[in-house]
Amino acid sequence: MTDKFIIFLCSGAAKAGNKKLSFRVASQLESMGVGELGSLESLSHQHTVDPAEQRRMIFINDCRSGCVNVLTHGFQKEKYVYIDVSPFLTAKDFDIIEFIQSEVLTTLHTKWSYSADTEYQTV
């Protein structure tokens, strides 16, 4: 089992690519080695495996409808974090790197003692 997180987006954001803020955040996380973009197949797989074997997941929402929240249904809260970037959709000075460092990595560290400088650690 890998220590990388699986990063999930709504299918519309995944298809739209760099036009969507959630996709740009997810791509940056992937390039930093934090996680890998998930697919419907990997989401289905996580639902079928024992919770003890599930990978940790990051769900990133970027629309006001919050449809990505539906994807979290059926998972134990200990297995995922939900990041909402929708408040920043119109922010002209939004800095993805700053957001990742101040919000995403802090959340991962608080929940799972994750450090981007070291391997993933279990509490």
PDB file of N, CA and C in Angstrom:
ATOM      1  N   MET A   1       0.849  -1.188   0.000  1.00  0.00           N
ATOM      2  CA  MET A   1       0.000   0.000   0.000  1.00  0.00           C
ATOM      3  C   MET A   1       0.886   1.240   0.000  1.00  0.00           C
ATOM      4  N   THR A   2       0.544   2.193  -0.836  1.00  0.00           N
ATOM      5  CA  THR A   2       1.328   3.420  -0.943  1.00  0.00           C
ATOM      6  C   THR A   2       0.921   4.420   0.135  1.00  0.00           C
ATOM      7  N   ASP A   3       1.849   5.310   0.455  1.00  0.00           N
ATOM      8  CA  ASP A   3       1.570   6.330   1.452  1.00  0.00           C
ATOM      9  C   ASP A   3       1.003   7.601   0.847  1.00  0.00           C
ATOM     10  N   LYS A   4       0.937   7.675  -0.466  1.00  0.00           N
ATOM     11  CA  LYS A   4       0.373   8.856  -1.098  1.00  0.00           C
ATOM     12  C   LYS A   4      -1.138   8.872  -0.918  1.00  0.00           C
ATOM     13  N   PHE A   5      -1.665  10.076  -0.826  1.00  0.00           N
ATOM     14  CA  PHE A   5      -3.103  10.256  -0.734  1.00  0.00           C
ATOM     15  C   PHE A   5      -3.714  10.108  -2.130  1.00  0.00           C
ATOM     16  N   ILE A   6      -4.991   9.775  -2.161  1.00  0.00           N
ATOM     17  CA  ILE A   6      -5.734   9.810  -3.424  1.00  0.00           C
ATOM     18  C   ILE A   6      -6.539  11.109  -3.385  1.00  0.00           C
ATOM     19  N   ILE A   7      -6.450  11.876  -4.454  1.00  0.00           N
ATOM     20  CA  ILE A   7      -7.124  13.173  -4.520  1.00  0.00           C
ATOM     21  C   ILE A   7      -8.304  13.056  -5.476  1.00  0.00           C
ATOM     22  N   PHE A   8      -9.493  13.368  -4.957  1.00  0.00           N
ATOM     23  CA  PHE A   8     -10.706  13.274  -5.767  1.00  0.00           C
ATOM     24  C   PHE A   8     -11.315  14.645  -6.011  1.00  0.00           C
ATOM     25  N   LEU A   9     -11.830  14.822  -7.226  1.00  0.00           N
ATOM     26  CA  LEU A   9     -12.528  16.030  -7.656  1.00  0.00           C
ATOM     27  C   LEU A   9     -13.851  15.607  -8.271  1.00  0.00           C
ATOM     28  N   CYS A  10     -14.717  16.565  -8.533  1.00  0.00           N
ATOM     29  CA  CYS A  10     -15.924  16.199  -9.276  1.00  0.00           C
ATOM     30  C   CYS A  10     -15.520  15.941 -10.724  1.00  0.00           C
ATOM     31  N   SER A  11     -16.308  15.174 -11.425  1.00  0.00           N
ATOM     32  CA  SER A  11     -15.962  14.808 -12.799  1.00  0.00           C
ATOM     33  C   SER A  11     -15.897  16.030 -13.704  1.00  0.00           C
ATOM     34  N   GLY A  12     -16.727  17.029 -13.443  1.00  0.00           N
ATOM     35  CA  GLY A  12     -16.692  18.250 -14.251  1.00  0.00           C
ATOM     36  C   GLY A  12     -15.369  18.982 -14.116  1.00  0.00           C
ATOM     37  N   ALA A  13     -14.839  19.047 -12.891  1.00  0.00           N
ATOM     38  CA  ALA A  13     -13.544  19.704 -12.666  1.00  0.00           C
ATOM     39  C   ALA A  13     -12.429  18.901 -13.318  1.00  0.00           C
ATOM     40  N   ALA A  14     -12.511  17.592 -13.224  1.00  0.00           N
ATOM     41  CA  ALA A  14     -11.483  16.748 -13.824  1.00  0.00           C
ATOM     42  C   ALA A  14     -11.464  16.925 -15.349  1.00  0.00           C
ATOM     43  N   LYS A  15     -12.641  17.014 -15.952  1.00  0.00           N
ATOM     44  CA  LYS A  15     -12.732  17.187 -17.406  1.00  0.00           C
ATOM     45  C   LYS A  15     -12.294  18.585 -17.843  1.00  0.00           C
ATOM     46  N   ALA A  16     -12.608  19.585 -17.026  1.00  0.00           N
ATOM     47  CA  ALA A  16     -12.283  20.968 -17.390  1.00  0.00           C
ATOM     48  C   ALA A  16     -10.796  21.278 -17.208  1.00  0.00           C
ATOM     49  N   GLY A  17     -10.114  20.474 -16.424  1.00  0.00           N
ATOM     50  CA  GLY A  17      -8.678  20.649 -16.252  1.00  0.00           C
ATOM     51  C   GLY A  17      -8.307  21.963 -15.587  1.00  0.00           C
ATOM     52  N   ASN A  18      -7.309  22.625 -16.137  1.00  0.00           N
ATOM     53  CA  ASN A  18      -6.760  23.844 -15.528  1.00  0.00           C
ATOM     54  C   ASN A  18      -7.739  25.002 -15.436  1.00  0.00           C
ATOM     55  N   LYS A  19      -8.883  24.898 -16.057  1.00  0.00           N
ATOM     56  CA  LYS A  19      -9.896  25.945 -15.933  1.00  0.00           C
ATOM     57  C   LYS A  19     -10.494  25.947 -14.525  1.00  0.00           C
ATOM     58  N   LYS A  20     -10.376  24.832 -13.808  1.00  0.00           N
ATOM     59  CA  LYS A  20     -10.980  24.693 -12.486  1.00  0.00           C
ATOM     60  C   LYS A  20      -9.926  24.810 -11.396  1.00  0.00           C
ATOM     61  N   LEU A  21     -10.239  25.589 -10.373  1.00  0.00           N
ATOM     62  CA  LEU A  21      -9.316  25.802  -9.260  1.00  0.00           C
ATOM     63  C   LEU A  21      -9.002  24.500  -8.532  1.00  0.00           C
ATOM     64  N   SER A  22      -9.990  23.665  -8.323  1.00  0.00           N
ATOM     65  CA  SER A  22      -9.742  22.396  -7.612  1.00  0.00           C
ATOM     66  C   SER A  22      -8.749  21.532  -8.390  1.00  0.00           C
ATOM     67  N   PHE A  23      -8.842  21.540  -9.701  1.00  0.00           N
ATOM     68  CA  PHE A  23      -7.911  20.765 -10.525  1.00  0.00           C
ATOM     69  C   PHE A  23      -6.496  21.317 -10.393  1.00  0.00           C
ATOM     70  N   ARG A  24      -6.359  22.640 -10.394  1.00  0.00           N
ATOM     71  CA  ARG A  24      -5.030  23.241 -10.262  1.00  0.00           C
ATOM     72  C   ARG A  24      -4.422  22.937  -8.896  1.00  0.00           C
ATOM     73  N   VAL A  25      -5.228  22.978  -7.836  1.00  0.00           N
ATOM     74  CA  VAL A  25      -4.732  22.631  -6.498  1.00  0.00           C
ATOM     75  C   VAL A  25      -4.324  21.161  -6.468  1.00  0.00           C
ATOM     76  N   ALA A  26      -5.181  20.292  -7.007  1.00  0.00           N
ATOM     77  CA  ALA A  26      -4.886  18.853  -7.028  1.00  0.00           C
ATOM     78  C   ALA A  26      -3.629  18.558  -7.836  1.00  0.00           C
ATOM     79  N   SER A  27      -3.481  19.221  -8.969  1.00  0.00           N
ATOM     80  CA  SER A  27      -2.292  19.016  -9.809  1.00  0.00           C
ATOM     81  C   SER A  27      -1.026  19.449  -9.083  1.00  0.00           C
ATOM     82  N   GLN A  28      -1.118  20.553  -8.353  1.00  0.00           N
ATOM     83  CA  GLN A  28       0.040  21.022  -7.597  1.00  0.00           C
ATOM     84  C   GLN A  28       0.382  20.026  -6.486  1.00  0.00           C
ATOM     85  N   LEU A  29      -0.635  19.516  -5.802  1.00  0.00           N
ATOM     86  CA  LEU A  29      -0.391  18.502  -4.765  1.00  0.00           C
ATOM     87  C   LEU A  29       0.272  17.266  -5.367  1.00  0.00           C
ATOM     88  N   GLU A  30      -0.195  16.881  -6.538  1.00  0.00           N
ATOM     89  CA  GLU A  30       0.379  15.719  -7.217  1.00  0.00           C
ATOM     90  C   GLU A  30       1.840  15.984  -7.591  1.00  0.00           C
ATOM     91  N   SER A  31       2.120  17.168  -8.105  1.00  0.00           N
ATOM     92  CA  SER A  31       3.502  17.477  -8.500  1.00  0.00           C
ATOM     93  C   SER A  31       4.428  17.585  -7.291  1.00  0.00           C
ATOM     94  N   MET A  32       3.860  17.882  -6.129  1.00  0.00           N
ATOM     95  CA  MET A  32       4.648  17.939  -4.894  1.00  0.00           C
ATOM     96  C   MET A  32       4.858  16.544  -4.298  1.00  0.00           C
ATOM     97  N   GLY A  33       4.217  15.539  -4.884  1.00  0.00           N
ATOM     98  CA  GLY A  33       4.358  14.179  -4.385  1.00  0.00           C
ATOM     99  C   GLY A  33       3.451  13.841  -3.221  1.00  0.00           C
ATOM    100  N   VAL A  34       2.479  14.705  -2.941  1.00  0.00           N
ATOM    101  CA  VAL A  34       1.572  14.493  -1.816  1.00  0.00           C
ATOM    102  C   VAL A  34       0.551  13.409  -2.134  1.00  0.00           C
ATOM    103  N   GLY A  35       0.079  13.391  -3.357  1.00  0.00           N
ATOM    104  CA  GLY A  35      -0.949  12.430  -3.712  1.00  0.00           C
ATOM    105  C   GLY A  35      -1.025  12.233  -5.204  1.00  0.00           C
ATOM    106  N   GLU A  36      -2.012  11.462  -5.588  1.00  0.00           N
ATOM    107  CA  GLU A  36      -2.256  11.202  -7.000  1.00  0.00           C
ATOM    108  C   GLU A  36      -3.729  11.399  -7.270  1.00  0.00           C
ATOM    109  N   LEU A  37      -4.038  11.888  -8.470  1.00  0.00           N
ATOM    110  CA  LEU A  37      -5.427  12.114  -8.832  1.00  0.00           C
ATOM    111  C   LEU A  37      -6.167  10.786  -8.919  1.00  0.00           C
ATOM    112  N   GLY A  38      -7.319  10.749  -8.290  1.00  0.00           N
ATOM    113  CA  GLY A  38      -8.134   9.548  -8.308  1.00  0.00           C
ATOM    114  C   GLY A  38      -9.112   9.562  -9.469  1.00  0.00           C
ATOM    115  N   SER A  39      -9.670   8.407  -9.729  1.00  0.00           N
ATOM    116  CA  SER A  39     -10.663   8.247 -10.791  1.00  0.00           C
ATOM    117  C   SER A  39     -11.899   7.594 -10.178  1.00  0.00           C
ATOM    118  N   LEU A  40     -12.936   7.467 -10.969  1.00  0.00           N
ATOM    119  CA  LEU A  40     -14.124   6.755 -10.476  1.00  0.00           C
ATOM    120  C   LEU A  40     -13.769   5.309 -10.133  1.00  0.00           C
ATOM    121  N   GLU A  41     -12.852   4.743 -10.901  1.00  0.00           N
ATOM    122  CA  GLU A  41     -12.414   3.366 -10.628  1.00  0.00           C
ATOM    123  C   GLU A  41     -11.710   3.272  -9.271  1.00  0.00           C
ATOM    124  N   SER A  42     -10.810   4.212  -8.982  1.00  0.00           N
ATOM    125  CA  SER A  42     -10.113   4.152  -7.692  1.00  0.00           C
ATOM    126  C   SER A  42     -11.056   4.493  -6.535  1.00  0.00           C
ATOM    127  N   LEU A  43     -12.047   5.350  -6.778  1.00  0.00           N
ATOM    128  CA  LEU A  43     -13.047   5.644  -5.749  1.00  0.00           C
ATOM    129  C   LEU A  43     -13.867   4.393  -5.451  1.00  0.00           C
ATOM    130  N   SER A  44     -14.308   3.703  -6.504  1.00  0.00           N
ATOM    131  CA  SER A  44     -15.062   2.455  -6.328  1.00  0.00           C
ATOM    132  C   SER A  44     -14.237   1.420  -5.583  1.00  0.00           C
ATOM    133  N   HIS A  45     -12.967   1.332  -5.923  1.00  0.00           N
ATOM    134  CA  HIS A  45     -12.087   0.379  -5.243  1.00  0.00           C
ATOM    135  C   HIS A  45     -11.994   0.685  -3.747  1.00  0.00           C
ATOM    136  N   GLN A  46     -11.871   1.943  -3.400  1.00  0.00           N
ATOM    137  CA  GLN A  46     -11.780   2.308  -1.980  1.00  0.00           C
ATOM    138  C   GLN A  46     -13.051   1.915  -1.231  1.00  0.00           C
ATOM    139  N   HIS A  47     -14.185   1.953  -1.915  1.00  0.00           N
ATOM    140  CA  HIS A  47     -15.451   1.549  -1.291  1.00  0.00           C
ATOM    141  C   HIS A  47     -15.513   0.038  -1.061  1.00  0.00           C
ATOM    142  N   THR A  48     -14.790  -0.731  -1.877  1.00  0.00           N
ATOM    143  CA  THR A  48     -14.898  -2.186  -1.772  1.00  0.00           C
ATOM    144  C   THR A  48     -13.907  -2.808  -0.794  1.00  0.00           C
ATOM    145  N   VAL A  49     -12.844  -2.097  -0.457  1.00  0.00           N
ATOM    146  CA  VAL A  49     -11.848  -2.686   0.440  1.00  0.00           C
ATOM    147  C   VAL A  49     -12.211  -2.412   1.896  1.00  0.00           C
ATOM    148  N   ASP A  50     -11.680  -3.243   2.764  1.00  0.00           N
ATOM    149  CA  ASP A  50     -11.876  -3.088   4.195  1.00  0.00           C
ATOM    150  C   ASP A  50     -11.385  -1.702   4.616  1.00  0.00           C
ATOM    151  N   PRO A  51     -12.112  -1.004   5.509  1.00  0.00           N
ATOM    152  CA  PRO A  51     -11.674   0.326   5.937  1.00  0.00           C
ATOM    153  C   PRO A  51     -10.225   0.380   6.434  1.00  0.00           C
ATOM    154  N   ALA A  52      -9.750  -0.677   7.028  1.00  0.00           N
ATOM    155  CA  ALA A  52      -8.365  -0.703   7.505  1.00  0.00           C
ATOM    156  C   ALA A  52      -7.370  -0.675   6.345  1.00  0.00           C
ATOM    157  N   GLU A  53      -7.812  -1.091   5.167  1.00  0.00           N
ATOM    158  CA  GLU A  53      -6.942  -1.131   3.992  1.00  0.00           C
ATOM    159  C   GLU A  53      -7.134   0.069   3.057  1.00  0.00           C
ATOM    160  N   GLN A  54      -8.130   0.894   3.343  1.00  0.00           N
ATOM    161  CA  GLN A  54      -8.373   2.053   2.492  1.00  0.00           C
ATOM    162  C   GLN A  54      -7.230   3.048   2.613  1.00  0.00           C
ATOM    163  N   ARG A  55      -6.929   3.691   1.499  1.00  0.00           N
ATOM    164  CA  ARG A  55      -5.935   4.761   1.517  1.00  0.00           C
ATOM    165  C   ARG A  55      -6.570   6.035   2.047  1.00  0.00           C
ATOM    166  N   ARG A  56      -5.749   6.924   2.522  1.00  0.00           N
ATOM    167  CA  ARG A  56      -6.239   8.230   2.970  1.00  0.00           C
ATOM    168  C   ARG A  56      -6.569   9.046   1.726  1.00  0.00           C
ATOM    169  N   MET A  57      -7.620   9.858   1.825  1.00  0.00           N
ATOM    170  CA  MET A  57      -8.143  10.552   0.663  1.00  0.00           C
ATOM    171  C   MET A  57      -8.321  12.039   0.925  1.00  0.00           C
ATOM    172  N   ILE A  58      -8.163  12.808  -0.138  1.00  0.00           N
ATOM    173  CA  ILE A  58      -8.416  14.246  -0.117  1.00  0.00           C
ATOM    174  C   ILE A  58      -9.498  14.518  -1.158  1.00  0.00           C
ATOM    175  N   PHE A  59     -10.595  15.122  -0.722  1.00  0.00           N
ATOM    176  CA  PHE A  59     -11.676  15.506  -1.629  1.00  0.00           C
ATOM    177  C   PHE A  59     -11.642  17.029  -1.746  1.00  0.00           C
ATOM    178  N   ILE A  60     -11.515  17.532  -2.969  1.00  0.00           N
ATOM    179  CA  ILE A  60     -11.431  18.976  -3.176  1.00  0.00           C
ATOM    180  C   ILE A  60     -12.659  19.457  -3.934  1.00  0.00           C
ATOM    181  N   ASN A  61     -13.391  20.365  -3.317  1.00  0.00           N
ATOM    182  CA  ASN A  61     -14.603  20.932  -3.893  1.00  0.00           C
ATOM    183  C   ASN A  61     -14.305  22.336  -4.413  1.00  0.00           C
ATOM    184  N   ASP A  62     -14.851  22.678  -5.578  1.00  0.00           N
ATOM    185  CA  ASP A  62     -14.692  24.063  -6.037  1.00  0.00           C
ATOM    186  C   ASP A  62     -15.969  24.643  -6.634  1.00  0.00           C
ATOM    187  N   CYS A  63     -17.092  24.067  -6.273  1.00  0.00           N
ATOM    188  CA  CYS A  63     -18.339  24.679  -6.739  1.00  0.00           C
ATOM    189  C   CYS A  63     -19.250  24.910  -5.541  1.00  0.00           C
ATOM    190  N   ARG A  64     -20.103  25.846  -5.691  1.00  0.00           N
ATOM    191  CA  ARG A  64     -20.965  26.212  -4.569  1.00  0.00           C
ATOM    192  C   ARG A  64     -21.992  25.127  -4.235  1.00  0.00           C
ATOM    193  N   SER A  65     -22.223  24.215  -5.147  1.00  0.00           N
ATOM    194  CA  SER A  65     -23.197  23.150  -4.876  1.00  0.00           C
ATOM    195  C   SER A  65     -22.618  22.079  -3.952  1.00  0.00           C
ATOM    196  N   GLY A  66     -21.303  21.978  -3.863  1.00  0.00           N
ATOM    197  CA  GLY A  66     -20.678  21.026  -2.947  1.00  0.00           C
ATOM    198  C   GLY A  66     -20.874  19.576  -3.344  1.00  0.00           C
ATOM    199  N   CYS A  67     -20.972  19.309  -4.631  1.00  0.00           N
ATOM    200  CA  CYS A  67     -21.247  17.951  -5.094  1.00  0.00           C
ATOM    201  C   CYS A  67     -20.166  16.943  -4.672  1.00  0.00           C
ATOM    202  N   VAL A  68     -18.942  17.401  -4.502  1.00  0.00           N
ATOM    203  CA  VAL A  68     -17.862  16.488  -4.113  1.00  0.00           C
ATOM    204  C   VAL A  68     -18.142  15.877  -2.742  1.00  0.00           C
ATOM    205  N   ASN A  69     -18.887  16.593  -1.913  1.00  0.00           N
ATOM    206  CA  ASN A  69     -19.221  16.072  -0.584  1.00  0.00           C
ATOM    207  C   ASN A  69     -19.953  14.734  -0.673  1.00  0.00           C
ATOM    208  N   VAL A  70     -20.734  14.544  -1.732  1.00  0.00           N
ATOM    209  CA  VAL A  70     -21.458  13.284  -1.932  1.00  0.00           C
ATOM    210  C   VAL A  70     -20.476  12.119  -2.087  1.00  0.00           C
ATOM    211  N   LEU A  71     -19.317  12.382  -2.685  1.00  0.00           N
ATOM    212  CA  LEU A  71     -18.332  11.316  -2.884  1.00  0.00           C
ATOM    213  C   LEU A  71     -17.765  10.783  -1.569  1.00  0.00           C
ATOM    214  N   THR A  72     -17.868  11.567  -0.506  1.00  0.00           N
ATOM    215  CA  THR A  72     -17.334  11.130   0.791  1.00  0.00           C
ATOM    216  C   THR A  72     -18.261  10.150   1.509  1.00  0.00           C
ATOM    217  N   HIS A  73     -19.496  10.042   1.052  1.00  0.00           N
ATOM    218  CA  HIS A  73     -20.471   9.174   1.720  1.00  0.00           C
ATOM    219  C   HIS A  73     -19.987   7.728   1.715  1.00  0.00           C
ATOM    220  N   GLY A  74     -20.091   7.096   2.852  1.00  0.00           N
ATOM    221  CA  GLY A  74     -19.683   5.705   2.983  1.00  0.00           C
ATOM    222  C   GLY A  74     -18.268   5.532   3.508  1.00  0.00           C
ATOM    223  N   PHE A  75     -17.524   6.623   3.634  1.00  0.00           N
ATOM    224  CA  PHE A  75     -16.167   6.542   4.176  1.00  0.00           C
ATOM    225  C   PHE A  75     -16.145   7.041   5.609  1.00  0.00           C
ATOM    226  N   GLN A  76     -15.319   6.422   6.430  1.00  0.00           N
ATOM    227  CA  GLN A  76     -15.138   6.894   7.793  1.00  0.00           C
ATOM    228  C   GLN A  76     -14.400   8.224   7.746  1.00  0.00           C
ATOM    229  N   LYS A  77     -14.791   9.158   8.600  1.00  0.00           N
ATOM    230  CA  LYS A  77     -14.180  10.497   8.593  1.00  0.00           C
ATOM    231  C   LYS A  77     -12.678  10.458   8.836  1.00  0.00           C
ATOM    232  N   GLU A  78     -12.188   9.403   9.478  1.00  0.00           N
ATOM    233  CA  GLU A  78     -10.745   9.287   9.718  1.00  0.00           C
ATOM    234  C   GLU A  78      -9.979   9.034   8.431  1.00  0.00           C
ATOM    235  N   LYS A  79     -10.666   8.654   7.378  1.00  0.00           N
ATOM    236  CA  LYS A  79     -10.009   8.268   6.130  1.00  0.00           C
ATOM    237  C   LYS A  79      -9.892   9.388   5.111  1.00  0.00           C
ATOM    238  N   TYR A  80     -10.508  10.541   5.365  1.00  0.00           N
ATOM    239  CA  TYR A  80     -10.454  11.588   4.354  1.00  0.00           C
ATOM    240  C   TYR A  80     -10.472  12.989   4.963  1.00  0.00           C
ATOM    241  N   VAL A  81     -10.033  13.939   4.153  1.00  0.00           N
ATOM    242  CA  VAL A  81     -10.230  15.352   4.446  1.00  0.00           C
ATOM    243  C   VAL A  81     -10.997  15.955   3.273  1.00  0.00           C
ATOM    244  N   TYR A  82     -11.803  16.943   3.592  1.00  0.00           N
ATOM    245  CA  TYR A  82     -12.617  17.641   2.602  1.00  0.00           C
ATOM    246  C   TYR A  82     -12.121  19.079   2.552  1.00  0.00           C
ATOM    247  N   ILE A  83     -11.627  19.477   1.402  1.00  0.00           N
ATOM    248  CA  ILE A  83     -11.098  20.826   1.212  1.00  0.00           C
ATOM    249  C   ILE A  83     -12.035  21.574   0.274  1.00  0.00           C
ATOM    250  N   ASP A  84     -12.485  22.740   0.711  1.00  0.00           N
ATOM    251  CA  ASP A  84     -13.404  23.534  -0.112  1.00  0.00           C
ATOM    252  C   ASP A  84     -12.691  24.791  -0.591  1.00  0.00           C
ATOM    253  N   VAL A  85     -12.443  24.860  -1.889  1.00  0.00           N
ATOM    254  CA  VAL A  85     -11.796  26.051  -2.445  1.00  0.00           C
ATOM    255  C   VAL A  85     -12.809  27.005  -3.076  1.00  0.00           C
ATOM    256  N   SER A  86     -14.100  26.696  -2.986  1.00  0.00           N
ATOM    257  CA  SER A  86     -15.113  27.544  -3.621  1.00  0.00           C
ATOM    258  C   SER A  86     -15.105  28.994  -3.125  1.00  0.00           C
ATOM    259  N   PRO A  87     -14.767  29.271  -1.854  1.00  0.00           N
ATOM    260  CA  PRO A  87     -14.730  30.681  -1.440  1.00  0.00           C
ATOM    261  C   PRO A  87     -13.659  31.502  -2.179  1.00  0.00           C
ATOM    262  N   PHE A  88     -12.721  30.826  -2.813  1.00  0.00           N
ATOM    263  CA  PHE A  88     -11.609  31.514  -3.464  1.00  0.00           C
ATOM    264  C   PHE A  88     -11.748  31.590  -4.985  1.00  0.00           C
ATOM    265  N   LEU A  89     -12.879  31.156  -5.515  1.00  0.00           N
ATOM    266  CA  LEU A  89     -13.045  31.101  -6.967  1.00  0.00           C
ATOM    267  C   LEU A  89     -12.861  32.452  -7.645  1.00  0.00           C
ATOM    268  N   THR A  90     -13.267  33.504  -6.988  1.00  0.00           N
ATOM    269  CA  THR A  90     -13.164  34.829  -7.601  1.00  0.00           C
ATOM    270  C   THR A  90     -12.054  35.684  -6.993  1.00  0.00           C
ATOM    271  N   ALA A  91     -11.263  35.108  -6.104  1.00  0.00           N
ATOM    272  CA  ALA A  91     -10.171  35.862  -5.487  1.00  0.00           C
ATOM    273  C   ALA A  91      -9.054  36.075  -6.505  1.00  0.00           C
ATOM    274  N   LYS A  92      -8.796  37.317  -6.825  1.00  0.00           N
ATOM    275  CA  LYS A  92      -7.788  37.633  -7.839  1.00  0.00           C
ATOM    276  C   LYS A  92      -6.369  37.354  -7.352  1.00  0.00           C
ATOM    277  N   ASP A  93      -6.147  37.428  -6.059  1.00  0.00           N
ATOM    278  CA  ASP A  93      -4.803  37.243  -5.515  1.00  0.00           C
ATOM    279  C   ASP A  93      -4.605  35.870  -4.877  1.00  0.00           C
ATOM    280  N   PHE A  94      -5.428  34.887  -5.254  1.00  0.00           N
ATOM    281  CA  PHE A  94      -5.317  33.546  -4.673  1.00  0.00           C
ATOM    282  C   PHE A  94      -3.994  32.908  -5.085  1.00  0.00           C
ATOM    283  N   ASP A  95      -3.237  32.456  -4.096  1.00  0.00           N
ATOM    284  CA  ASP A  95      -1.933  31.834  -4.317  1.00  0.00           C
ATOM    285  C   ASP A  95      -2.049  30.352  -3.962  1.00  0.00           C
ATOM    286  N   ILE A  96      -1.993  29.487  -4.965  1.00  0.00           N
ATOM    287  CA  ILE A  96      -2.170  28.051  -4.743  1.00  0.00           C
ATOM    288  C   ILE A  96      -1.117  27.495  -3.791  1.00  0.00           C
ATOM    289  N   ILE A  97       0.141  27.872  -3.974  1.00  0.00           N
ATOM    290  CA  ILE A  97       1.209  27.357  -3.117  1.00  0.00           C
ATOM    291  C   ILE A  97       0.979  27.776  -1.671  1.00  0.00           C
ATOM    292  N   GLU A  98       0.638  29.030  -1.459  1.00  0.00           N
ATOM    293  CA  GLU A  98       0.366  29.523  -0.102  1.00  0.00           C
ATOM    294  C   GLU A  98      -0.820  28.773   0.503  1.00  0.00           C
ATOM    295  N   PHE A  99      -1.868  28.573  -0.291  1.00  0.00           N
ATOM    296  CA  PHE A  99      -3.045  27.843   0.195  1.00  0.00           C
ATOM    297  C   PHE A  99      -2.675  26.417   0.584  1.00  0.00           C
ATOM    298  N   ILE A 100      -1.897  25.765  -0.249  1.00  0.00           N
ATOM    299  CA  ILE A 100      -1.491  24.387   0.056  1.00  0.00           C
ATOM    300  C   ILE A 100      -0.673  24.351   1.339  1.00  0.00           C
ATOM    301  N   GLN A 101       0.272  25.266   1.473  1.00  0.00           N
ATOM    302  CA  GLN A 101       1.118  25.263   2.663  1.00  0.00           C
ATOM    303  C   GLN A 101       0.355  25.648   3.922  1.00  0.00           C
ATOM    304  N   SER A 102      -0.494  26.668   3.830  1.00  0.00           N
ATOM    305  CA  SER A 102      -1.166  27.152   5.032  1.00  0.00           C
ATOM    306  C   SER A 102      -2.439  26.386   5.383  1.00  0.00           C
ATOM    307  N   GLU A 103      -3.101  25.828   4.399  1.00  0.00           N
ATOM    308  CA  GLU A 103      -4.372  25.152   4.656  1.00  0.00           C
ATOM    309  C   GLU A 103      -4.291  23.631   4.491  1.00  0.00           C
ATOM    310  N   VAL A 104      -3.911  23.191   3.306  1.00  0.00           N
ATOM    311  CA  VAL A 104      -3.969  21.757   3.006  1.00  0.00           C
ATOM    312  C   VAL A 104      -2.939  20.980   3.822  1.00  0.00           C
ATOM    313  N   LEU A 105      -1.679  21.365   3.745  1.00  0.00           N
ATOM    314  CA  LEU A 105      -0.648  20.615   4.478  1.00  0.00           C
ATOM    315  C   LEU A 105      -0.845  20.709   5.983  1.00  0.00           C
ATOM    316  N   THR A 106      -1.329  21.861   6.451  1.00  0.00           N
ATOM    317  CA  THR A 106      -1.624  22.010   7.884  1.00  0.00           C
ATOM    318  C   THR A 106      -2.740  21.059   8.299  1.00  0.00           C
ATOM    319  N   THR A 107      -3.763  20.956   7.473  1.00  0.00           N
ATOM    320  CA  THR A 107      -4.874  20.032   7.760  1.00  0.00           C
ATOM    321  C   THR A 107      -4.376  18.585   7.773  1.00  0.00           C
ATOM    322  N   LEU A 108      -3.548  18.225   6.798  1.00  0.00           N
ATOM    323  CA  LEU A 108      -3.024  16.856   6.738  1.00  0.00           C
ATOM    324  C   LEU A 108      -2.131  16.556   7.937  1.00  0.00           C
ATOM    325  N   HIS A 109      -1.348  17.539   8.334  1.00  0.00           N
ATOM    326  CA  HIS A 109      -0.472  17.349   9.497  1.00  0.00           C
ATOM    327  C   HIS A 109      -1.295  17.206  10.773  1.00  0.00           C
ATOM    328  N   THR A 110      -2.287  18.056  10.943  1.00  0.00           N
ATOM    329  CA  THR A 110      -3.132  18.007  12.138  1.00  0.00           C
ATOM    330  C   THR A 110      -3.875  16.676  12.240  1.00  0.00           C
ATOM    331  N   LYS A 111      -4.399  16.212  11.128  1.00  0.00           N
ATOM    332  CA  LYS A 111      -5.200  14.991  11.148  1.00  0.00           C
ATOM    333  C   LYS A 111      -4.358  13.723  11.196  1.00  0.00           C
ATOM    334  N   TRP A 112      -3.243  13.709  10.441  1.00  0.00           N
ATOM    335  CA  TRP A 112      -2.494  12.467  10.297  1.00  0.00           C
ATOM    336  C   TRP A 112      -0.991  12.603  10.552  1.00  0.00           C
ATOM    337  N   SER A 113      -0.558  13.703  11.142  1.00  0.00           N
ATOM    338  CA  SER A 113       0.873  13.954  11.368  1.00  0.00           C
ATOM    339  C   SER A 113       1.678  13.858  10.079  1.00  0.00           C
ATOM    340  N   TYR A 114       1.058  14.303   8.987  1.00  0.00           N
ATOM    341  CA  TYR A 114       1.731  14.274   7.689  1.00  0.00           C
ATOM    342  C   TYR A 114       2.701  15.441   7.589  1.00  0.00           C
ATOM    343  N   SER A 115       3.873  15.175   7.065  1.00  0.00           N
ATOM    344  CA  SER A 115       4.837  16.226   6.780  1.00  0.00           C
ATOM    345  C   SER A 115       5.289  16.084   5.338  1.00  0.00           C
ATOM    346  N   ALA A 116       5.241  17.154   4.585  1.00  0.00           N
ATOM    347  CA  ALA A 116       5.649  17.123   3.184  1.00  0.00           C
ATOM    348  C   ALA A 116       7.138  16.866   3.052  1.00  0.00           C
ATOM    349  N   ASP A 117       7.900  17.124   4.113  1.00  0.00           N
ATOM    350  CA  ASP A 117       9.345  16.942   4.064  1.00  0.00           C
ATOM    351  C   ASP A 117       9.763  15.507   4.358  1.00  0.00           C
ATOM    352  N   THR A 118       8.869  14.734   4.958  1.00  0.00           N
ATOM    353  CA  THR A 118       9.182  13.366   5.311  1.00  0.00           C
ATOM    354  C   THR A 118       8.097  12.440   4.804  1.00  0.00           C
ATOM    355  N   GLU A 119       8.308  11.172   4.965  1.00  0.00           N
ATOM    356  CA  GLU A 119       7.295  10.196   4.574  1.00  0.00           C
ATOM    357  C   GLU A 119       6.047  10.380   5.441  1.00  0.00           C
ATOM    358  N   TYR A 120       4.951   9.970   4.922  1.00  0.00           N
ATOM    359  CA  TYR A 120       3.681   9.964   5.615  1.00  0.00           C
ATOM    360  C   TYR A 120       3.820   9.194   6.911  1.00  0.00           C
ATOM    361  N   GLN A 121       3.291   9.758   7.984  1.00  0.00           N
ATOM    362  CA  GLN A 121       3.396   9.119   9.295  1.00  0.00           C
ATOM    363  C   GLN A 121       2.013   8.875   9.854  1.00  0.00           C
ATOM    364  N   THR A 122       1.834   7.725  10.466  1.00  0.00           N
ATOM    365  CA  THR A 122       0.567   7.414  11.116  1.00  0.00           C
ATOM    366  C   THR A 122       0.667   7.785  12.583  1.00  0.00           C
ATOM    367  N   VAL A 123      -0.383   8.391  13.114  1.00  0.00           N
ATOM    368  CA  VAL A 123      -0.365   8.775  14.531  1.00  0.00           C
ATOM    369  C   VAL A 123      -0.591   7.568  15.404  1.00  0.00           C
TER     370      VAL A 123
END
